[in-house]
Amino acid sequence: MILLTPVRHAWTQRDLVGGDIAINFANTVSGWGTDNEDWLADFDGFARWARLAGLIDESDYQSAVATAQRHPRAVSRVFSQMTRLRLGFIRVFHAVRRN
């Protein structure tokens, strides 16, 4: 299991260096095996990243943030699923890199 330290990251365009959305999604964990920092430490960070990555526009971002405030339990479930998916990507990328 990968242990992550939550870090509130100030997203900039230069954080998107993977050339592919899935790689950029996995790159939201820094350290790659040592001193892992989770740059998507909360739903707002995930929404900010999704906006920067071009997955949602500003209107969708504002809507997601407002909805998150009204439905914290649902957001918690979505965020948990997103985290599991992202860790799955990371495991796959690590396996590919080892071979």
N, C-alpha and C. Protein backbone atom coordinates (compact mmCIF):
# COMPACT_ATOMS: atom_id res chain seq x y z
N MET A 1 0.84 -1.19 0.00
CA MET A 1 0.00 0.00 0.00
C MET A 1 0.88 1.25 0.00
N ILE A 2 0.49 2.23 -0.77
CA ILE A 2 1.23 3.47 -0.85
C ILE A 2 0.72 4.41 0.23
N LEU A 3 1.61 4.90 1.08
CA LEU A 3 1.24 5.87 2.10
C LEU A 3 1.47 7.26 1.55
N LEU A 4 0.48 8.12 1.71
CA LEU A 4 0.55 9.46 1.15
C LEU A 4 0.40 10.52 2.23
N THR A 5 1.17 11.58 2.11
CA THR A 5 1.04 12.74 2.98
C THR A 5 0.24 13.79 2.24
N PRO A 6 -0.96 14.15 2.73
CA PRO A 6 -1.76 15.17 2.04
C PRO A 6 -1.06 16.52 2.06
N VAL A 7 -1.00 17.16 0.90
CA VAL A 7 -0.36 18.47 0.75
C VAL A 7 -1.29 19.33 -0.10
N ARG A 8 -1.58 20.52 0.36
CA ARG A 8 -2.38 21.46 -0.46
C ARG A 8 -1.43 22.07 -1.49
N HIS A 9 -1.62 21.71 -2.74
CA HIS A 9 -0.71 22.11 -3.81
C HIS A 9 -1.29 23.29 -4.59
N ALA A 10 -0.46 24.26 -4.91
CA ALA A 10 -0.88 25.39 -5.74
C ALA A 10 -0.63 25.02 -7.20
N TRP A 11 -1.68 24.59 -7.89
CA TRP A 11 -1.57 24.07 -9.25
C TRP A 11 -1.18 25.14 -10.25
N THR A 12 -0.25 24.78 -11.14
CA THR A 12 0.11 25.63 -12.27
C THR A 12 0.21 24.75 -13.51
N GLN A 13 0.19 25.36 -14.66
CA GLN A 13 0.25 24.62 -15.92
C GLN A 13 1.50 23.74 -16.01
N ARG A 14 2.60 24.15 -15.41
CA ARG A 14 3.82 23.35 -15.51
C ARG A 14 3.75 22.04 -14.72
N ASP A 15 2.69 21.85 -13.93
CA ASP A 15 2.48 20.58 -13.24
C ASP A 15 1.97 19.49 -14.19
N LEU A 16 1.49 19.88 -15.36
CA LEU A 16 0.92 18.94 -16.32
C LEU A 16 1.97 18.59 -17.36
N VAL A 17 2.87 17.70 -17.00
CA VAL A 17 4.02 17.39 -17.85
C VAL A 17 3.96 15.99 -18.46
N GLY A 18 2.92 15.21 -18.15
CA GLY A 18 2.89 13.82 -18.58
C GLY A 18 2.56 13.59 -20.03
N GLY A 19 1.95 14.58 -20.69
CA GLY A 19 1.58 14.40 -22.08
C GLY A 19 0.30 13.62 -22.29
N ASP A 20 -0.31 13.16 -21.22
CA ASP A 20 -1.55 12.39 -21.29
C ASP A 20 -2.30 12.61 -19.98
N ILE A 21 -3.62 12.70 -20.05
CA ILE A 21 -4.40 12.99 -18.85
C ILE A 21 -4.22 11.92 -17.77
N ALA A 22 -4.12 10.65 -18.16
CA ALA A 22 -3.94 9.58 -17.16
C ALA A 22 -2.60 9.70 -16.46
N ILE A 23 -1.57 10.03 -17.20
CA ILE A 23 -0.24 10.21 -16.59
C ILE A 23 -0.25 11.44 -15.70
N ASN A 24 -0.87 12.52 -16.15
CA ASN A 24 -0.97 13.71 -15.30
C ASN A 24 -1.77 13.42 -14.04
N PHE A 25 -2.79 12.59 -14.15
CA PHE A 25 -3.59 12.19 -12.99
C PHE A 25 -2.72 11.44 -11.99
N ALA A 26 -1.92 10.50 -12.48
CA ALA A 26 -1.01 9.76 -11.59
C ALA A 26 0.06 10.68 -11.01
N ASN A 27 0.48 11.66 -11.78
CA ASN A 27 1.52 12.59 -11.30
C ASN A 27 1.05 13.53 -10.21
N THR A 28 -0.20 13.41 -9.79
CA THR A 28 -0.67 14.22 -8.68
C THR A 28 -0.17 13.69 -7.35
N VAL A 29 0.55 12.58 -7.40
CA VAL A 29 1.31 12.08 -6.25
C VAL A 29 2.77 12.32 -6.57
N SER A 30 3.46 13.07 -5.73
CA SER A 30 4.88 13.32 -5.99
C SER A 30 5.70 12.39 -5.11
N GLY A 31 6.92 12.16 -5.51
CA GLY A 31 7.83 11.32 -4.73
C GLY A 31 8.05 9.96 -5.34
N TRP A 32 7.03 9.40 -5.99
CA TRP A 32 7.12 8.10 -6.64
C TRP A 32 7.86 7.05 -5.82
N GLY A 33 7.34 6.80 -4.63
CA GLY A 33 7.87 5.70 -3.82
C GLY A 33 8.61 6.15 -2.58
N THR A 34 9.05 7.38 -2.55
CA THR A 34 9.71 7.91 -1.35
C THR A 34 9.10 9.26 -1.02
N ASP A 35 8.74 9.44 0.23
CA ASP A 35 8.15 10.71 0.67
C ASP A 35 6.98 11.13 -0.22
N ASN A 36 6.05 10.21 -0.43
CA ASN A 36 4.91 10.47 -1.31
C ASN A 36 4.04 11.60 -0.77
N GLU A 37 3.85 12.63 -1.59
CA GLU A 37 2.94 13.71 -1.26
C GLU A 37 1.72 13.61 -2.15
N ASP A 38 0.55 13.67 -1.55
CA ASP A 38 -0.70 13.63 -2.28
C ASP A 38 -1.14 15.06 -2.56
N TRP A 39 -1.01 15.46 -3.82
CA TRP A 39 -1.36 16.83 -4.21
C TRP A 39 -2.86 16.98 -4.45
N LEU A 40 -3.61 15.91 -4.39
CA LEU A 40 -5.07 15.97 -4.45
C LEU A 40 -5.60 15.56 -3.09
N ALA A 41 -5.29 16.36 -2.11
CA ALA A 41 -5.57 16.01 -0.72
C ALA A 41 -7.03 16.19 -0.32
N ASP A 42 -7.80 16.90 -1.14
CA ASP A 42 -9.21 17.11 -0.84
C ASP A 42 -9.98 17.34 -2.14
N PHE A 43 -11.29 17.37 -2.03
CA PHE A 43 -12.12 17.51 -3.23
C PHE A 43 -11.84 18.82 -3.96
N ASP A 44 -11.66 19.90 -3.23
CA ASP A 44 -11.39 21.18 -3.88
C ASP A 44 -10.10 21.12 -4.71
N GLY A 45 -9.07 20.46 -4.16
CA GLY A 45 -7.83 20.29 -4.92
C GLY A 45 -8.05 19.48 -6.18
N PHE A 46 -8.88 18.44 -6.07
CA PHE A 46 -9.20 17.62 -7.25
C PHE A 46 -9.95 18.46 -8.29
N ALA A 47 -10.92 19.25 -7.85
CA ALA A 47 -11.67 20.09 -8.77
C ALA A 47 -10.77 21.14 -9.43
N ARG A 48 -9.86 21.74 -8.66
CA ARG A 48 -8.93 22.71 -9.23
C ARG A 48 -8.02 22.05 -10.26
N TRP A 49 -7.54 20.83 -9.95
CA TRP A 49 -6.70 20.10 -10.89
C TRP A 49 -7.49 19.78 -12.18
N ALA A 50 -8.72 19.31 -12.03
CA ALA A 50 -9.54 18.96 -13.20
C ALA A 50 -9.78 20.18 -14.08
N ARG A 51 -9.95 21.34 -13.48
CA ARG A 51 -10.12 22.57 -14.26
C ARG A 51 -8.83 22.89 -15.01
N LEU A 52 -7.69 22.83 -14.32
CA LEU A 52 -6.41 23.12 -14.96
C LEU A 52 -6.11 22.12 -16.08
N ALA A 53 -6.43 20.86 -15.86
CA ALA A 53 -6.15 19.80 -16.84
C ALA A 53 -7.11 19.85 -18.03
N GLY A 54 -8.12 20.69 -17.97
CA GLY A 54 -9.05 20.82 -19.08
C GLY A 54 -10.18 19.81 -19.07
N LEU A 55 -10.36 19.10 -17.97
CA LEU A 55 -11.46 18.14 -17.88
C LEU A 55 -12.80 18.83 -17.65
N ILE A 56 -12.77 19.97 -16.98
CA ILE A 56 -13.97 20.76 -16.73
C ILE A 56 -13.64 22.22 -17.00
N ASP A 57 -14.67 23.00 -17.29
CA ASP A 57 -14.45 24.44 -17.49
C ASP A 57 -14.76 25.17 -16.18
N GLU A 58 -14.63 26.47 -16.20
CA GLU A 58 -14.84 27.28 -14.98
C GLU A 58 -16.25 27.12 -14.43
N SER A 59 -17.24 27.07 -15.31
CA SER A 59 -18.62 26.90 -14.87
C SER A 59 -18.81 25.55 -14.16
N ASP A 60 -18.26 24.49 -14.75
CA ASP A 60 -18.34 23.16 -14.12
C ASP A 60 -17.62 23.15 -12.77
N TYR A 61 -16.48 23.83 -12.71
CA TYR A 61 -15.72 23.91 -11.46
C TYR A 61 -16.57 24.58 -10.38
N GLN A 62 -17.16 25.72 -10.70
CA GLN A 62 -17.97 26.45 -9.72
C GLN A 62 -19.17 25.60 -9.27
N SER A 63 -19.77 24.89 -10.21
CA SER A 63 -20.89 24.02 -9.89
C SER A 63 -20.45 22.86 -8.98
N ALA A 64 -19.31 22.28 -9.28
CA ALA A 64 -18.80 21.17 -8.46
C ALA A 64 -18.51 21.62 -7.03
N VAL A 65 -17.91 22.78 -6.89
CA VAL A 65 -17.59 23.30 -5.55
C VAL A 65 -18.88 23.58 -4.78
N ALA A 66 -19.85 24.20 -5.42
CA ALA A 66 -21.12 24.50 -4.76
C ALA A 66 -21.84 23.21 -4.36
N THR A 67 -21.86 22.24 -5.26
CA THR A 67 -22.50 20.95 -4.96
C THR A 67 -21.78 20.25 -3.82
N ALA A 68 -20.47 20.31 -3.81
CA ALA A 68 -19.69 19.68 -2.74
C ALA A 68 -20.05 20.26 -1.38
N GLN A 69 -20.30 21.54 -1.33
CA GLN A 69 -20.66 22.17 -0.06
C GLN A 69 -22.03 21.72 0.41
N ARG A 70 -22.93 21.45 -0.52
CA ARG A 70 -24.29 21.02 -0.17
C ARG A 70 -24.38 19.53 0.14
N HIS A 71 -23.46 18.72 -0.43
CA HIS A 71 -23.56 17.26 -0.30
C HIS A 71 -22.21 16.65 0.11
N PRO A 72 -21.75 16.94 1.31
CA PRO A 72 -20.40 16.49 1.70
C PRO A 72 -20.23 14.97 1.73
N ARG A 73 -21.27 14.22 2.07
CA ARG A 73 -21.12 12.75 2.10
C ARG A 73 -20.96 12.18 0.70
N ALA A 74 -21.72 12.70 -0.25
CA ALA A 74 -21.59 12.23 -1.62
C ALA A 74 -20.20 12.57 -2.16
N VAL A 75 -19.73 13.76 -1.84
CA VAL A 75 -18.40 14.18 -2.28
C VAL A 75 -17.34 13.28 -1.67
N SER A 76 -17.52 12.91 -0.44
CA SER A 76 -16.57 12.01 0.23
C SER A 76 -16.48 10.67 -0.51
N ARG A 77 -17.62 10.14 -0.94
CA ARG A 77 -17.63 8.88 -1.68
C ARG A 77 -16.95 9.04 -3.04
N VAL A 78 -17.27 10.10 -3.75
CA VAL A 78 -16.65 10.34 -5.06
C VAL A 78 -15.15 10.52 -4.91
N PHE A 79 -14.75 11.29 -3.92
CA PHE A 79 -13.33 11.54 -3.70
C PHE A 79 -12.60 10.24 -3.35
N SER A 80 -13.21 9.39 -2.55
CA SER A 80 -12.62 8.10 -2.20
C SER A 80 -12.45 7.23 -3.44
N GLN A 81 -13.45 7.20 -4.31
CA GLN A 81 -13.37 6.42 -5.55
C GLN A 81 -12.28 6.97 -6.46
N MET A 82 -12.20 8.29 -6.55
CA MET A 82 -11.17 8.92 -7.37
C MET A 82 -9.78 8.55 -6.85
N THR A 83 -9.62 8.55 -5.55
CA THR A 83 -8.32 8.21 -4.96
C THR A 83 -7.94 6.76 -5.27
N ARG A 84 -8.89 5.84 -5.17
CA ARG A 84 -8.61 4.44 -5.51
C ARG A 84 -8.23 4.29 -6.98
N LEU A 85 -8.94 4.98 -7.86
CA LEU A 85 -8.62 4.93 -9.28
C LEU A 85 -7.21 5.47 -9.53
N ARG A 86 -6.90 6.58 -8.92
CA ARG A 86 -5.58 7.19 -9.12
C ARG A 86 -4.47 6.28 -8.61
N LEU A 87 -4.65 5.66 -7.46
CA LEU A 87 -3.63 4.74 -6.94
C LEU A 87 -3.49 3.52 -7.83
N GLY A 88 -4.60 3.10 -8.46
CA GLY A 88 -4.52 2.01 -9.44
C GLY A 88 -3.66 2.40 -10.64
N PHE A 89 -3.86 3.61 -11.15
CA PHE A 89 -3.01 4.11 -12.24
C PHE A 89 -1.54 4.10 -11.82
N ILE A 90 -1.28 4.57 -10.63
CA ILE A 90 0.11 4.64 -10.15
C ILE A 90 0.72 3.25 -10.10
N ARG A 91 -0.03 2.28 -9.59
CA ARG A 91 0.49 0.90 -9.52
C ARG A 91 0.79 0.36 -10.92
N VAL A 92 -0.09 0.63 -11.86
CA VAL A 92 0.13 0.17 -13.25
C VAL A 92 1.39 0.83 -13.82
N PHE A 93 1.52 2.13 -13.65
CA PHE A 93 2.68 2.83 -14.18
C PHE A 93 3.97 2.35 -13.54
N HIS A 94 3.94 2.05 -12.25
CA HIS A 94 5.13 1.51 -11.58
C HIS A 94 5.48 0.13 -12.13
N ALA A 95 4.46 -0.70 -12.37
CA ALA A 95 4.71 -2.04 -12.90
C ALA A 95 5.32 -1.96 -14.30
N VAL A 96 4.81 -1.07 -15.13
CA VAL A 96 5.34 -0.89 -16.49
C VAL A 96 6.78 -0.40 -16.42
N ARG A 97 7.03 0.53 -15.55
CA ARG A 97 8.37 1.09 -15.43
C ARG A 97 9.39 0.05 -14.97
N ARG A 98 8.97 -0.89 -14.12
CA ARG A 98 9.88 -1.93 -13.62
C ARG A 98 10.26 -2.93 -14.71
N ASN A 99 9.41 -3.09 -15.71
CA ASN A 99 9.66 -4.11 -16.76
C ASN A 99 10.41 -3.56 -17.93
